C-alpha atoms as a PDB file:
ATOM      1  CA  UNK A   1      22.042  26.405 -12.873  1.00  0.00           C
ATOM      2  CA  UNK A   2      21.976  25.074 -16.423  1.00  0.00           C
ATOM      3  CA  UNK A   3      20.439  24.419 -19.762  1.00  0.00           C
ATOM      4  CA  UNK A   4      21.279  21.777 -22.362  1.00  0.00           C
ATOM      5  CA  UNK A   5      22.980  21.725 -25.435  1.00  0.00           C
ATOM      6  CA  UNK A   6      22.827  18.187 -26.336  1.00  0.00           C
ATOM      7  CA  UNK A   7      24.586  16.262 -23.718  1.00  0.00           C
ATOM      8  CA  UNK A   8      26.733  19.619 -22.467  1.00  0.00           C
ATOM      9  CA  UNK A   9      25.472  21.410 -20.041  1.00  0.00           C
ATOM     10  CA  UNK A  10      25.919  25.394 -20.094  1.00  0.00           C
ATOM     11  CA  UNK A  11      26.183  27.138 -17.074  1.00  0.00           C
ATOM     12  CA  UNK A  12      23.499  30.129 -16.509  1.00  0.00           C
ATOM     13  CA  UNK A  13      23.362  32.652 -14.367  1.00  0.00           C
ATOM     14  CA  UNK A  14      19.638  33.192 -14.670  1.00  0.00           C
ATOM     15  CA  UNK A  15      17.238  31.826 -11.860  1.00  0.00           C
ATOM     16  CA  UNK A  16      14.292  29.688 -12.768  1.00  0.00           C
ATOM     17  CA  UNK A  17      11.730  31.638 -10.207  1.00  0.00           C
ATOM     18  CA  UNK A  18       9.253  28.679 -10.594  1.00  0.00           C
ATOM     19  CA  UNK A  19       9.174  25.266 -12.053  1.00  0.00           C
ATOM     20  CA  UNK A  20       6.670  25.133 -14.923  1.00  0.00           C
ATOM     21  CA  UNK A  21       6.778  21.129 -15.588  1.00  0.00           C
ATOM     22  CA  UNK A  22       5.149  19.493 -18.489  1.00  0.00           C
ATOM     23  CA  UNK A  23       5.017  15.642 -18.417  1.00  0.00           C
ATOM     24  CA  UNK A  24       5.769  14.384 -22.077  1.00  0.00           C
ATOM     25  CA  UNK A  25       3.903  11.579 -23.738  1.00  0.00           C
ATOM     26  CA  UNK A  26       3.373  10.429 -27.221  1.00  0.00           C
ATOM     27  CA  UNK A  27       0.625  13.394 -28.000  1.00  0.00           C
ATOM     28  CA  UNK A  28       3.529  15.878 -27.017  1.00  0.00           C
ATOM     29  CA  UNK A  29       6.496  14.127 -27.897  1.00  0.00           C
ATOM     30  CA  UNK A  30       7.542  15.493 -30.964  1.00  0.00           C
ATOM     31  CA  UNK A  31      10.273  18.449 -31.503  1.00  0.00           C
ATOM     32  CA  UNK A  32       7.285  20.786 -32.651  1.00  0.00           C
ATOM     33  CA  UNK A  33       5.358  20.192 -29.795  1.00  0.00           C
ATOM     34  CA  UNK A  34       7.983  20.277 -27.379  1.00  0.00           C
ATOM     35  CA  UNK A  35       8.842  23.692 -28.779  1.00  0.00           C
ATOM     36  CA  UNK A  36       5.766  24.951 -28.440  1.00  0.00           C
ATOM     37  CA  UNK A  37       5.859  23.546 -24.842  1.00  0.00           C
ATOM     38  CA  UNK A  38       8.588  26.101 -24.280  1.00  0.00           C
ATOM     39  CA  UNK A  39       7.206  28.964 -25.785  1.00  0.00           C
ATOM     40  CA  UNK A  40       4.085  28.516 -23.550  1.00  0.00           C
ATOM     41  CA  UNK A  41       6.103  28.578 -20.639  1.00  0.00           C
ATOM     42  CA  UNK A  42       7.683  25.196 -19.836  1.00  0.00           C
ATOM     43  CA  UNK A  43      10.774  25.347 -18.190  1.00  0.00           C
ATOM     44  CA  UNK A  44      11.023  21.486 -16.873  1.00  0.00           C
ATOM     45  CA  UNK A  45      10.076  18.339 -18.568  1.00  0.00           C
ATOM     46  CA  UNK A  46       9.182  15.223 -16.826  1.00  0.00           C
ATOM     47  CA  UNK A  47       9.804  11.812 -17.946  1.00  0.00           C
ATOM     48  CA  UNK A  48       7.508   9.233 -16.393  1.00  0.00           C
ATOM     49  CA  UNK A  49       9.688   6.148 -16.887  1.00  0.00           C
ATOM     50  CA  UNK A  50       6.682   3.938 -15.924  1.00  0.00           C
ATOM     51  CA  UNK A  51       6.066   3.975 -19.323  1.00  0.00           C
ATOM     52  CA  UNK A  52       8.350   4.539 -22.544  1.00  0.00           C
ATOM     53  CA  UNK A  53      11.291   2.632 -23.764  1.00  0.00           C
ATOM     54  CA  UNK A  54      14.904   3.886 -23.398  1.00  0.00           C
ATOM     55  CA  UNK A  55      14.888   4.330 -27.439  1.00  0.00           C
ATOM     56  CA  UNK A  56      11.925   6.780 -27.385  1.00  0.00           C
ATOM     57  CA  UNK A  57      13.649   8.837 -24.484  1.00  0.00           C
ATOM     58  CA  UNK A  58      16.724   9.278 -26.188  1.00  0.00           C
ATOM     59  CA  UNK A  59      15.543  10.883 -29.009  1.00  0.00           C
ATOM     60  CA  UNK A  60      13.051  13.173 -27.122  1.00  0.00           C
ATOM     61  CA  UNK A  61      16.164  14.112 -24.710  1.00  0.00           C
ATOM     62  CA  UNK A  62      17.763  14.880 -28.132  1.00  0.00           C
ATOM     63  CA  UNK A  63      14.707  16.741 -28.993  1.00  0.00           C
ATOM     64  CA  UNK A  64      14.345  19.023 -25.666  1.00  0.00           C
ATOM     65  CA  UNK A  65      18.239  19.899 -25.535  1.00  0.00           C
ATOM     66  CA  UNK A  66      17.799  21.057 -29.354  1.00  0.00           C
ATOM     67  CA  UNK A  67      15.069  23.246 -29.073  1.00  0.00           C
ATOM     68  CA  UNK A  68      16.229  24.809 -26.060  1.00  0.00           C
ATOM     69  CA  UNK A  69      19.721  25.841 -27.198  1.00  0.00           C
ATOM     70  CA  UNK A  70      18.181  26.795 -30.418  1.00  0.00           C
ATOM     71  CA  UNK A  71      15.534  29.146 -28.169  1.00  0.00           C
ATOM     72  CA  UNK A  72      18.387  30.106 -26.125  1.00  0.00           C
ATOM     73  CA  UNK A  73      16.156  28.745 -22.824  1.00  0.00           C
ATOM     74  CA  UNK A  74      17.068  27.250 -20.023  1.00  0.00           C
ATOM     75  CA  UNK A  75      15.181  24.164 -19.209  1.00  0.00           C
ATOM     76  CA  UNK A  76      15.235  21.181 -16.760  1.00  0.00           C
ATOM     77  CA  UNK A  77      14.940  17.580 -17.794  1.00  0.00           C
ATOM     78  CA  UNK A  78      13.298  15.575 -14.737  1.00  0.00           C
ATOM     79  CA  UNK A  79      13.459  11.754 -14.447  1.00  0.00           C
ATOM     80  CA  UNK A  80      10.220  10.019 -12.824  1.00  0.00           C
ATOM     81  CA  UNK A  81      11.608   6.666 -11.639  1.00  0.00           C
ATOM     82  CA  UNK A  82       8.907   3.999 -11.279  1.00  0.00           C
ATOM     83  CA  UNK A  83       9.488   3.053  -7.721  1.00  0.00           C
ATOM     84  CA  UNK A  84       8.719   0.091  -6.040  1.00  0.00           C
ATOM     85  CA  UNK A  85       4.807   0.260  -6.346  1.00  0.00           C
ATOM     86  CA  UNK A  86       2.806  -2.469  -5.109  1.00  0.00           C
ATOM     87  CA  UNK A  87       0.704  -3.783  -7.594  1.00  0.00           C
ATOM     88  CA  UNK A  88      -1.631  -7.617  -7.828  1.00  0.00           C
ATOM     89  CA  UNK A  89       0.052 -10.019 -10.064  1.00  0.00           C
ATOM     90  CA  UNK A  90      -0.545 -13.373 -11.169  1.00  0.00           C
ATOM     91  CA  UNK A  91      -4.050 -12.855 -12.409  1.00  0.00           C
ATOM     92  CA  UNK A  92      -5.249 -14.276 -15.948  1.00  0.00           C
ATOM     93  CA  UNK A  93      -8.524 -12.858 -15.649  1.00  0.00           C
ATOM     94  CA  UNK A  94     -10.593  -9.750 -14.093  1.00  0.00           C
ATOM     95  CA  UNK A  95     -11.650 -10.540 -10.084  1.00  0.00           C
ATOM     96  CA  UNK A  96     -15.083  -9.225  -9.572  1.00  0.00           C
ATOM     97  CA  UNK A  97     -15.934  -8.542  -5.645  1.00  0.00           C
ATOM     98  CA  UNK A  98     -18.582  -8.389  -3.665  1.00  0.00           C
ATOM     99  CA  UNK A  99     -19.149  -6.765  -0.554  1.00  0.00           C
ATOM    100  CA  UNK A 100     -17.955  -8.818   2.022  1.00  0.00           C
ATOM    101  CA  UNK A 101     -16.753 -11.220   0.038  1.00  0.00           C
ATOM    102  CA  UNK A 102     -13.329 -13.110   1.191  1.00  0.00           C
ATOM    103  CA  UNK A 103     -10.090 -13.324  -0.959  1.00  0.00           C
ATOM    104  CA  UNK A 104      -6.823 -14.451  -0.251  1.00  0.00           C
ATOM    105  CA  UNK A 105      -3.541 -13.129  -1.812  1.00  0.00           C
ATOM    106  CA  UNK A 106      -0.256 -14.914  -1.702  1.00  0.00           C
ATOM    107  CA  UNK A 107       3.840 -13.451  -1.582  1.00  0.00           C
ATOM    108  CA  UNK A 108       4.456 -16.157  -4.583  1.00  0.00           C
ATOM    109  CA  UNK A 109       2.073 -18.652  -5.383  1.00  0.00           C
ATOM    110  CA  UNK A 110       1.355 -19.495  -9.080  1.00  0.00           C
ATOM    111  CA  UNK A 111      -2.549 -20.926  -7.805  1.00  0.00           C
ATOM    112  CA  UNK A 112      -3.410 -17.203  -6.420  1.00  0.00           C
ATOM    113  CA  UNK A 113      -3.786 -13.494  -7.090  1.00  0.00           C
ATOM    114  CA  UNK A 114       0.000 -12.295  -5.406  1.00  0.00           C
ATOM    115  CA  UNK A 115       0.909  -9.259  -3.616  1.00  0.00           C
ATOM    116  CA  UNK A 116       4.931  -9.356  -3.664  1.00  0.00           C
ATOM    117  CA  UNK A 117       5.793  -7.602  -0.233  1.00  0.00           C
ATOM    118  CA  UNK A 118       7.141  -8.961   2.635  1.00  0.00           C
ATOM    119  CA  UNK A 119       5.955  -6.522   4.969  1.00  0.00           C
ATOM    120  CA  UNK A 120       1.982  -7.450   4.296  1.00  0.00           C
ATOM    121  CA  UNK A 121       2.497 -10.803   5.731  1.00  0.00           C
ATOM    122  CA  UNK A 122       2.509  -9.943   9.539  1.00  0.00           C
ATOM    123  CA  UNK A 123      -0.038 -10.804  12.397  1.00  0.00           C
ATOM    124  CA  UNK A 124       0.353  -7.384  13.387  1.00  0.00           C
ATOM    125  CA  UNK A 125      -1.247  -6.717   9.892  1.00  0.00           C
ATOM    126  CA  UNK A 126      -4.573  -7.811  10.830  1.00  0.00           C
ATOM    127  CA  UNK A 127      -7.262  -5.347  10.837  1.00  0.00           C
ATOM    128  CA  UNK A 128      -5.646  -2.856   8.319  1.00  0.00           C
ATOM    129  CA  UNK A 129      -6.462  -2.162   4.825  1.00  0.00           C
ATOM    130  CA  UNK A 130      -4.944  -2.769   1.740  1.00  0.00           C
ATOM    131  CA  UNK A 131      -6.521  -0.529  -1.146  1.00  0.00           C
ATOM    132  CA  UNK A 132      -6.451  -1.526  -4.856  1.00  0.00           C
ATOM    133  CA  UNK A 133      -6.847   0.274  -7.958  1.00  0.00           C
ATOM    134  CA  UNK A 134      -6.756   4.248  -6.425  1.00  0.00           C
ATOM    135  CA  UNK A 135      -8.841   2.980  -3.417  1.00  0.00           C
ATOM    136  CA  UNK A 136     -11.911   2.068  -5.282  1.00  0.00           C
ATOM    137  CA  UNK A 137     -11.555  -1.742  -3.869  1.00  0.00           C
ATOM    138  CA  UNK A 138     -10.859  -1.615  -0.264  1.00  0.00           C
ATOM    139  CA  UNK A 139     -10.125  -4.811   1.592  1.00  0.00           C
ATOM    140  CA  UNK A 140      -9.278  -5.255   5.028  1.00  0.00           C
ATOM    141  CA  UNK A 141      -6.846  -7.882   6.132  1.00  0.00           C
ATOM    142  CA  UNK A 142      -8.800 -10.198   8.652  1.00  0.00           C
ATOM    143  CA  UNK A 143      -6.106 -13.528   9.010  1.00  0.00           C
ATOM    144  CA  UNK A 144      -2.145 -13.802   8.195  1.00  0.00           C
ATOM    145  CA  UNK A 145      -0.939 -17.476   7.776  1.00  0.00           C
ATOM    146  CA  UNK A 146       2.560 -18.068   6.977  1.00  0.00           C
ATOM    147  CA  UNK A 147       2.600 -16.125   3.442  1.00  0.00           C
ATOM    148  CA  UNK A 148      -0.788 -16.091   2.774  1.00  0.00           C
ATOM    149  CA  UNK A 149      -3.378 -13.186   3.890  1.00  0.00           C
ATOM    150  CA  UNK A 150      -7.118 -13.261   3.761  1.00  0.00           C
ATOM    151  CA  UNK A 151      -9.048 -10.135   3.450  1.00  0.00           C
ATOM    152  CA  UNK A 152     -12.723  -8.986   3.639  1.00  0.00           C
ATOM    153  CA  UNK A 153     -14.017  -6.671   0.806  1.00  0.00           C
ATOM    154  CA  UNK A 154     -15.378  -3.258   2.099  1.00  0.00           C
ATOM    155  CA  UNK A 155     -16.685  -2.542  -1.108  1.00  0.00           C
ATOM    156  CA  UNK A 156     -17.676  -4.234  -4.579  1.00  0.00           C
ATOM    157  CA  UNK A 157     -15.548  -3.905  -7.497  1.00  0.00           C
ATOM    158  CA  UNK A 158     -13.454  -5.610 -10.153  1.00  0.00           C
ATOM    159  CA  UNK A 159      -9.527  -5.408 -10.524  1.00  0.00           C
ATOM    160  CA  UNK A 160      -7.155  -6.922 -12.843  1.00  0.00           C
ATOM    161  CA  UNK A 161      -3.444  -8.016 -13.153  1.00  0.00           C
ATOM    162  CA  UNK A 162      -0.732  -5.397 -12.580  1.00  0.00           C
ATOM    163  CA  UNK A 163      -3.744  -2.615 -10.764  1.00  0.00           C
ATOM    164  CA  UNK A 164      -1.819  -0.811  -8.318  1.00  0.00           C
ATOM    165  CA  UNK A 165      -2.272  -1.540  -4.501  1.00  0.00           C
ATOM    166  CA  UNK A 166      -1.827   0.615  -1.357  1.00  0.00           C
ATOM    167  CA  UNK A 167      -1.541  -0.141   2.437  1.00  0.00           C
ATOM    168  CA  UNK A 168      -1.652   2.749   4.350  1.00  0.00           C
ATOM    169  CA  UNK A 169       0.490   2.427   7.538  1.00  0.00           C
ATOM    170  CA  UNK A 170       2.502  -0.649   6.663  1.00  0.00           C
ATOM    171  CA  UNK A 171       5.723  -0.731   5.923  1.00  0.00           C
ATOM    172  CA  UNK A 172       5.797  -2.930   2.913  1.00  0.00           C
ATOM    173  CA  UNK A 173       9.510  -3.514   3.058  1.00  0.00           C
ATOM    174  CA  UNK A 174      10.354  -3.274  -0.725  1.00  0.00           C
ATOM    175  CA  UNK A 175      13.370  -2.458  -1.835  1.00  0.00           C
ATOM    176  CA  UNK A 176      13.710   1.676  -3.109  1.00  0.00           C
ATOM    177  CA  UNK A 177      15.026   0.865  -6.439  1.00  0.00           C
ATOM    178  CA  UNK A 178      14.015  -2.381  -8.757  1.00  0.00           C
ATOM    179  CA  UNK A 179      16.065  -4.146 -11.285  1.00  0.00           C
ATOM    180  CA  UNK A 180      14.387  -1.574 -13.548  1.00  0.00           C
ATOM    181  CA  UNK A 181      14.791   1.520 -11.748  1.00  0.00           C
ATOM    182  CA  UNK A 182      18.423   1.034 -11.318  1.00  0.00           C
ATOM    183  CA  UNK A 183      18.503   0.475 -15.506  1.00  0.00           C
ATOM    184  CA  UNK A 184      16.526   3.416 -15.670  1.00  0.00           C
ATOM    185  CA  UNK A 185      18.654   5.470 -12.949  1.00  0.00           C
ATOM    186  CA  UNK A 186      21.886   4.109 -15.246  1.00  0.00           C
ATOM    187  CA  UNK A 187      20.391   5.911 -18.693  1.00  0.00           C
ATOM    188  CA  UNK A 188      19.663   8.854 -16.672  1.00  0.00           C
ATOM    189  CA  UNK A 189      22.904   9.525 -15.681  1.00  0.00           C
ATOM    190  CA  UNK A 190      24.236   8.759 -18.789  1.00  0.00           C
ATOM    191  CA  UNK A 191      22.649  10.913 -20.606  1.00  0.00           C
ATOM    192  CA  UNK A 192      22.979  13.777 -17.757  1.00  0.00           C
ATOM    193  CA  UNK A 193      19.565  14.227 -16.699  1.00  0.00           C
ATOM    194  CA  UNK A 194      19.385  17.082 -14.535  1.00  0.00           C
ATOM    195  CA  UNK A 195      16.989  15.882 -11.826  1.00  0.00           C
ATOM    196  CA  UNK A 196      15.748  11.852 -10.648  1.00  0.00           C
ATOM    197  CA  UNK A 197      12.856  11.636  -8.587  1.00  0.00           C
ATOM    198  CA  UNK A 198      12.409   8.662  -6.626  1.00  0.00           C
ATOM    199  CA  UNK A 199       9.071   7.649  -5.985  1.00  0.00           C
ATOM    200  CA  UNK A 200       7.314   5.660  -3.123  1.00  0.00           C
ATOM    201  CA  UNK A 201      10.118   6.436  -0.785  1.00  0.00           C
ATOM    202  CA  UNK A 202       9.483   5.646   2.929  1.00  0.00           C
ATOM    203  CA  UNK A 203      12.317   6.814   4.988  1.00  0.00           C
ATOM    204  CA  UNK A 204      15.534   9.197   4.723  1.00  0.00           C
ATOM    205  CA  UNK A 205      17.315   5.973   3.533  1.00  0.00           C
ATOM    206  CA  UNK A 206      15.793   5.617   0.240  1.00  0.00           C
ATOM    207  CA  UNK A 207      17.051   9.029  -0.084  1.00  0.00           C
ATOM    208  CA  UNK A 208      20.498   8.341   0.934  1.00  0.00           C
ATOM    209  CA  UNK A 209      20.973   5.056  -1.084  1.00  0.00           C
ATOM    210  CA  UNK A 210      19.847   6.672  -4.315  1.00  0.00           C
ATOM    211  CA  UNK A 211      22.465   9.866  -3.780  1.00  0.00           C
ATOM    212  CA  UNK A 212      25.324   7.446  -3.416  1.00  0.00           C
ATOM    213  CA  UNK A 213      24.616   5.989  -6.455  1.00  0.00           C
ATOM    214  CA  UNK A 214      23.873   9.173  -8.474  1.00  0.00           C
ATOM    215  CA  UNK A 215      27.293  10.429  -6.825  1.00  0.00           C
ATOM    216  CA  UNK A 216      26.226  14.214  -7.708  1.00  0.00           C
ATOM    217  CA  UNK A 217      25.513  13.678 -11.208  1.00  0.00           C
ATOM    218  CA  UNK A 218      22.040  14.903 -10.683  1.00  0.00           C
ATOM    219  CA  UNK A 219      19.354  16.457  -8.082  1.00  0.00           C
ATOM    220  CA  UNK A 220      17.615  14.147  -5.911  1.00  0.00           C
ATOM    221  CA  UNK A 221      13.749  14.839  -5.537  1.00  0.00           C
ATOM    222  CA  UNK A 222      11.731  13.218  -3.042  1.00  0.00           C
ATOM    223  CA  UNK A 223       8.573  12.256  -4.583  1.00  0.00           C
ATOM    224  CA  UNK A 224       5.970  11.997  -1.418  1.00  0.00           C
ATOM    225  CA  UNK A 225       3.256   9.672  -1.485  1.00  0.00           C
ATOM    226  CA  UNK A 226       3.287   7.622   1.464  1.00  0.00           C
ATOM    227  CA  UNK A 227       2.022   8.051   4.784  1.00  0.00           C
ATOM    228  CA  UNK A 228       5.701   6.436   5.864  1.00  0.00           C
ATOM    229  CA  UNK A 229       7.091   9.690   4.129  1.00  0.00           C
ATOM    230  CA  UNK A 230       4.791  12.189   5.727  1.00  0.00           C
ATOM    231  CA  UNK A 231       5.437  10.807   9.123  1.00  0.00           C
ATOM    232  CA  UNK A 232       9.379  11.657   8.183  1.00  0.00           C
ATOM    233  CA  UNK A 233       9.430  14.412   6.387  1.00  0.00           C
ATOM    234  CA  UNK A 234      11.873  16.458   8.084  1.00  0.00           C
ATOM    235  CA  UNK A 235      14.468  13.692   8.064  1.00  0.00           C
ATOM    236  CA  UNK A 236      13.909  12.988   4.023  1.00  0.00           C
ATOM    237  CA  UNK A 237      13.882  16.676   2.914  1.00  0.00           C
ATOM    238  CA  UNK A 238      17.466  17.148   5.021  1.00  0.00           C
ATOM    239  CA  UNK A 239      18.779  14.751   2.568  1.00  0.00           C
ATOM    240  CA  UNK A 240      16.763  16.088  -0.921  1.00  0.00           C
ATOM    241  CA  UNK A 241      17.448  18.647  -3.410  1.00  0.00           C
ATOM    242  CA  UNK A 242      13.666  19.132  -4.270  1.00  0.00           C
ATOM    243  CA  UNK A 243      10.606  17.871  -3.573  1.00  0.00           C
ATOM    244  CA  UNK A 244       7.603  16.196  -5.113  1.00  0.00           C
ATOM    245  CA  UNK A 245       3.992  16.297  -3.578  1.00  0.00           C
ATOM    246  CA  UNK A 246       2.513  13.665  -5.548  1.00  0.00           C
ATOM    247  CA  UNK A 247      -1.340  13.930  -4.542  1.00  0.00           C
ATOM    248  CA  UNK A 248      -2.638  10.797  -6.651  1.00  0.00           C
ATOM    249  CA  UNK A 249      -1.061   7.824  -4.636  1.00  0.00           C
ATOM    250  CA  UNK A 250      -1.123  10.131  -1.416  1.00  0.00           C
ATOM    251  CA  UNK A 251      -4.517  10.983  -1.320  1.00  0.00           C
ATOM    252  CA  UNK A 252      -5.155   7.357  -1.512  1.00  0.00           C
ATOM    253  CA  UNK A 253      -2.771   6.721   1.198  1.00  0.00           C
ATOM    254  CA  UNK A 254      -4.395   9.148   3.565  1.00  0.00           C
ATOM    255  CA  UNK A 255      -7.842   9.949   2.314  1.00  0.00           C
ATOM    256  CA  UNK A 256      -8.704  12.888   0.885  1.00  0.00           C
ATOM    257  CA  UNK A 257      -9.979  14.623   3.978  1.00  0.00           C
ATOM    258  CA  UNK A 258      -5.853  14.394   5.392  1.00  0.00           C
ATOM    259  CA  UNK A 259      -4.439  15.639   2.105  1.00  0.00           C
ATOM    260  CA  UNK A 260      -4.581  19.610   2.280  1.00  0.00           C
ATOM    261  CA  UNK A 261      -3.016  19.111   6.135  1.00  0.00           C
ATOM    262  CA  UNK A 262      -0.355  16.672   4.385  1.00  0.00           C
ATOM    263  CA  UNK A 263       0.317  18.945   1.534  1.00  0.00           C
ATOM    264  CA  UNK A 264       0.758  21.860   3.748  1.00  0.00           C
ATOM    265  CA  UNK A 265       3.147  20.384   6.660  1.00  0.00           C
ATOM    266  CA  UNK A 266       5.208  18.956   3.292  1.00  0.00           C
ATOM    267  CA  UNK A 267       5.645  23.266   2.026  1.00  0.00           C
ATOM    268  CA  UNK A 268       5.969  24.334   5.455  1.00  0.00           C
ATOM    269  CA  UNK A 269       8.811  21.917   5.982  1.00  0.00           C
ATOM    270  CA  UNK A 270      10.571  22.369   2.490  1.00  0.00           C
ATOM    271  CA  UNK A 271      10.453  26.521   2.993  1.00  0.00           C
ATOM    272  CA  UNK A 272      11.988  25.678   6.414  1.00  0.00           C
ATOM    273  CA  UNK A 273      14.890  23.784   5.331  1.00  0.00           C
ATOM    274  CA  UNK A 274      14.845  25.499   1.840  1.00  0.00           C
ATOM    275  CA  UNK A 275      14.223  22.462  -0.509  1.00  0.00           C
ATOM    276  CA  UNK A 276      11.901  23.704  -3.350  1.00  0.00           C
ATOM    277  CA  UNK A 277       8.340  21.789  -3.513  1.00  0.00           C
ATOM    278  CA  UNK A 278       6.893  21.073  -6.714  1.00  0.00           C
ATOM    279  CA  UNK A 279       3.008  19.996  -6.468  1.00  0.00           C
ATOM    280  CA  UNK A 280       1.537  17.181  -8.550  1.00  0.00           C
ATOM    281  CA  UNK A 281      -1.486  15.598  -9.851  1.00  0.00           C
ATOM    282  CA  UNK A 282      -4.886  17.152 -10.789  1.00  0.00           C
ATOM    283  CA  UNK A 283      -3.368  20.673 -10.859  1.00  0.00           C
ATOM    284  CA  UNK A 284      -5.404  21.669 -14.006  1.00  0.00           C
ATOM    285  CA  UNK A 285      -7.663  18.653 -14.431  1.00  0.00           C
ATOM    286  CA  UNK A 286     -10.201  20.673 -15.986  1.00  0.00           C
ATOM    287  CA  UNK A 287      -8.204  21.716 -18.552  1.00  0.00           C
ATOM    288  CA  UNK A 288      -7.760  18.372 -19.927  1.00  0.00           C
ATOM    289  CA  UNK A 289     -11.298  18.797 -21.754  1.00  0.00           C
ATOM    290  CA  UNK A 290     -11.862  22.724 -21.222  1.00  0.00           C
ATOM    291  CA  UNK A 291      -9.720  25.939 -22.088  1.00  0.00           C
ATOM    292  CA  UNK A 292     -10.070  27.885 -18.928  1.00  0.00           C
ATOM    293  CA  UNK A 293      -9.167  26.402 -15.561  1.00  0.00           C
ATOM    294  CA  UNK A 294     -11.519  26.134 -12.765  1.00  0.00           C
ATOM    295  CA  UNK A 295     -12.050  28.895  -9.897  1.00  0.00           C
ATOM    296  CA  UNK A 296     -11.080  25.966  -7.406  1.00  0.00           C
ATOM    297  CA  UNK A 297      -7.717  25.340  -9.123  1.00  0.00           C
ATOM    298  CA  UNK A 298      -6.808  29.016  -9.194  1.00  0.00           C
ATOM    299  CA  UNK A 299      -7.237  29.078  -5.414  1.00  0.00           C
ATOM    300  CA  UNK A 300      -5.404  25.838  -4.971  1.00  0.00           C
ATOM    301  CA  UNK A 301      -2.655  26.862  -6.936  1.00  0.00           C
ATOM    302  CA  UNK A 302      -2.704  30.294  -5.195  1.00  0.00           C
ATOM    303  CA  UNK A 303      -2.929  28.619  -1.778  1.00  0.00           C
ATOM    304  CA  UNK A 304       0.194  26.224  -2.759  1.00  0.00           C
ATOM    305  CA  UNK A 305       2.118  29.303  -4.247  1.00  0.00           C
ATOM    306  CA  UNK A 306       1.537  31.185  -0.627  1.00  0.00           C
ATOM    307  CA  UNK A 307       2.551  28.492   1.277  1.00  0.00           C
ATOM    308  CA  UNK A 308       5.832  28.368  -0.668  1.00  0.00           C
ATOM    309  CA  UNK A 309       5.441  26.297  -3.675  1.00  0.00           C
ATOM    310  CA  UNK A 310       7.988  26.829  -6.021  1.00  0.00           C
ATOM    311  CA  UNK A 311       6.540  24.830  -8.767  1.00  0.00           C
ATOM    312  CA  UNK A 312       3.973  22.287 -10.437  1.00  0.00           C
ATOM    313  CA  UNK A 313       3.920  19.439 -12.723  1.00  0.00           C
ATOM    314  CA  UNK A 314       1.205  18.994 -15.216  1.00  0.00           C
ATOM    315  CA  UNK A 315       0.387  15.455 -15.863  1.00  0.00           C
ATOM    316  CA  UNK A 316      -2.719  14.038 -17.722  1.00  0.00           C
ATOM    317  CA  UNK A 317      -2.970  17.494 -18.821  1.00  0.00           C
ATOM    318  CA  UNK A 318      -0.373  17.389 -21.497  1.00  0.00           C
ATOM    319  CA  UNK A 319      -0.083  13.685 -21.605  1.00  0.00           C
ATOM    320  CA  UNK A 320      -3.629  13.123 -22.816  1.00  0.00           C
ATOM    321  CA  UNK A 321      -5.270  16.299 -22.587  1.00  0.00           C
ATOM    322  CA  UNK A 322      -6.706  18.736 -25.240  1.00  0.00           C
ATOM    323  CA  UNK A 323      -5.524  21.430 -24.406  1.00  0.00           C
ATOM    324  CA  UNK A 324      -1.207  20.861 -23.250  1.00  0.00           C
ATOM    325  CA  UNK A 325      -0.301  24.230 -24.716  1.00  0.00           C
ATOM    326  CA  UNK A 326      -2.963  26.308 -23.124  1.00  0.00           C
ATOM    327  CA  UNK A 327      -2.804  24.535 -19.950  1.00  0.00           C
ATOM    328  CA  UNK A 328       1.144  25.186 -19.720  1.00  0.00           C
ATOM    329  CA  UNK A 329       0.462  29.050 -20.708  1.00  0.00           C
ATOM    330  CA  UNK A 330      -2.151  28.904 -17.819  1.00  0.00           C
ATOM    331  CA  UNK A 331      -0.221  27.899 -15.745  1.00  0.00           C
ATOM    332  CA  UNK A 332       2.747  30.258 -16.462  1.00  0.00           C
ATOM    333  CA  UNK A 333       0.059  32.771 -16.163  1.00  0.00           C
ATOM    334  CA  UNK A 334      -1.430  31.971 -13.087  1.00  0.00           C
ATOM    335  CA  UNK A 335       2.048  31.588 -11.131  1.00  0.00           C
ATOM    336  CA  UNK A 336       3.577  34.679 -12.325  1.00  0.00           C
ATOM    337  CA  UNK A 337       0.564  36.785 -11.509  1.00  0.00           C
ATOM    338  CA  UNK A 338       0.352  35.002  -7.731  1.00  0.00           C
ATOM    339  CA  UNK A 339       4.079  34.937  -7.185  1.00  0.00           C
ATOM    340  CA  UNK A 340       3.903  39.068  -7.228  1.00  0.00           C
ATOM    341  CA  UNK A 341       0.672  38.676  -5.079  1.00  0.00           C
ATOM    342  CA  UNK A 342       2.480  36.510  -2.358  1.00  0.00           C
END
């Protein structure tokens, strides 16, 4: 294991028993805040490369390593690549849909909304669903002709350019690494980041491809947020160093009624294959506003640890929450207590 001082990896015999991960954002990106997060119990720092610039992250990486070295703490830096997230494109204004209204998308047409995923434009997908904006807009594919799909809206609502889209059960045929991801990965390797998380993977080949590029310079985290990944979880985890259960998009893909069972399957597979599993999304959501967690959140953390979870990732709780340091301290205290009870 390691903690970082500047760009040099320093060996440590001390093992981290539980990953307590804080996602870094403008609110907690300065050196003083990073030190407070470490003092509260954070030992892992997630850099979300869907946002931010390389220039901003250079300073944050430097500060994390300096604070860790000054306090003789063992910490990790996790680079979370954006991945091939499907998004609506080529919109100049908001689209308002009524229930039963039809809408068309094209793969690449300047005169209509675009969804650039070749796997969508197949006859076999008629009857399947597209979910936009975390599932608030639910569409059903009713026709496919060339590079145009016609959908019927099953709900009313609005969406705009760059809103995310999910297509549960459809192989979108997206490349595992976009040009942005490749540039970000090169940056992460240059600055010796400890872990690289690959988003929206579908199969073990996505992991294998990234591991070849990384060539042992960092641990690879399989971020599970698609139905396809759950279906192939054993094969994926045989090649991954760690696993993240990304419950946001995964809940949209599977439906909330199926999410707990999927999380349990992922965790049990991780335990059997000796792959650490980290739980992310809404771990302490009530602490965005409150200084104490809900009973349900405490139960969730306890049950996750009992099923073998080896860490938790706070996202909005530290990025935009009102109580980032208290949230980390609460998570650390709960993990310490529940790990002893397991």
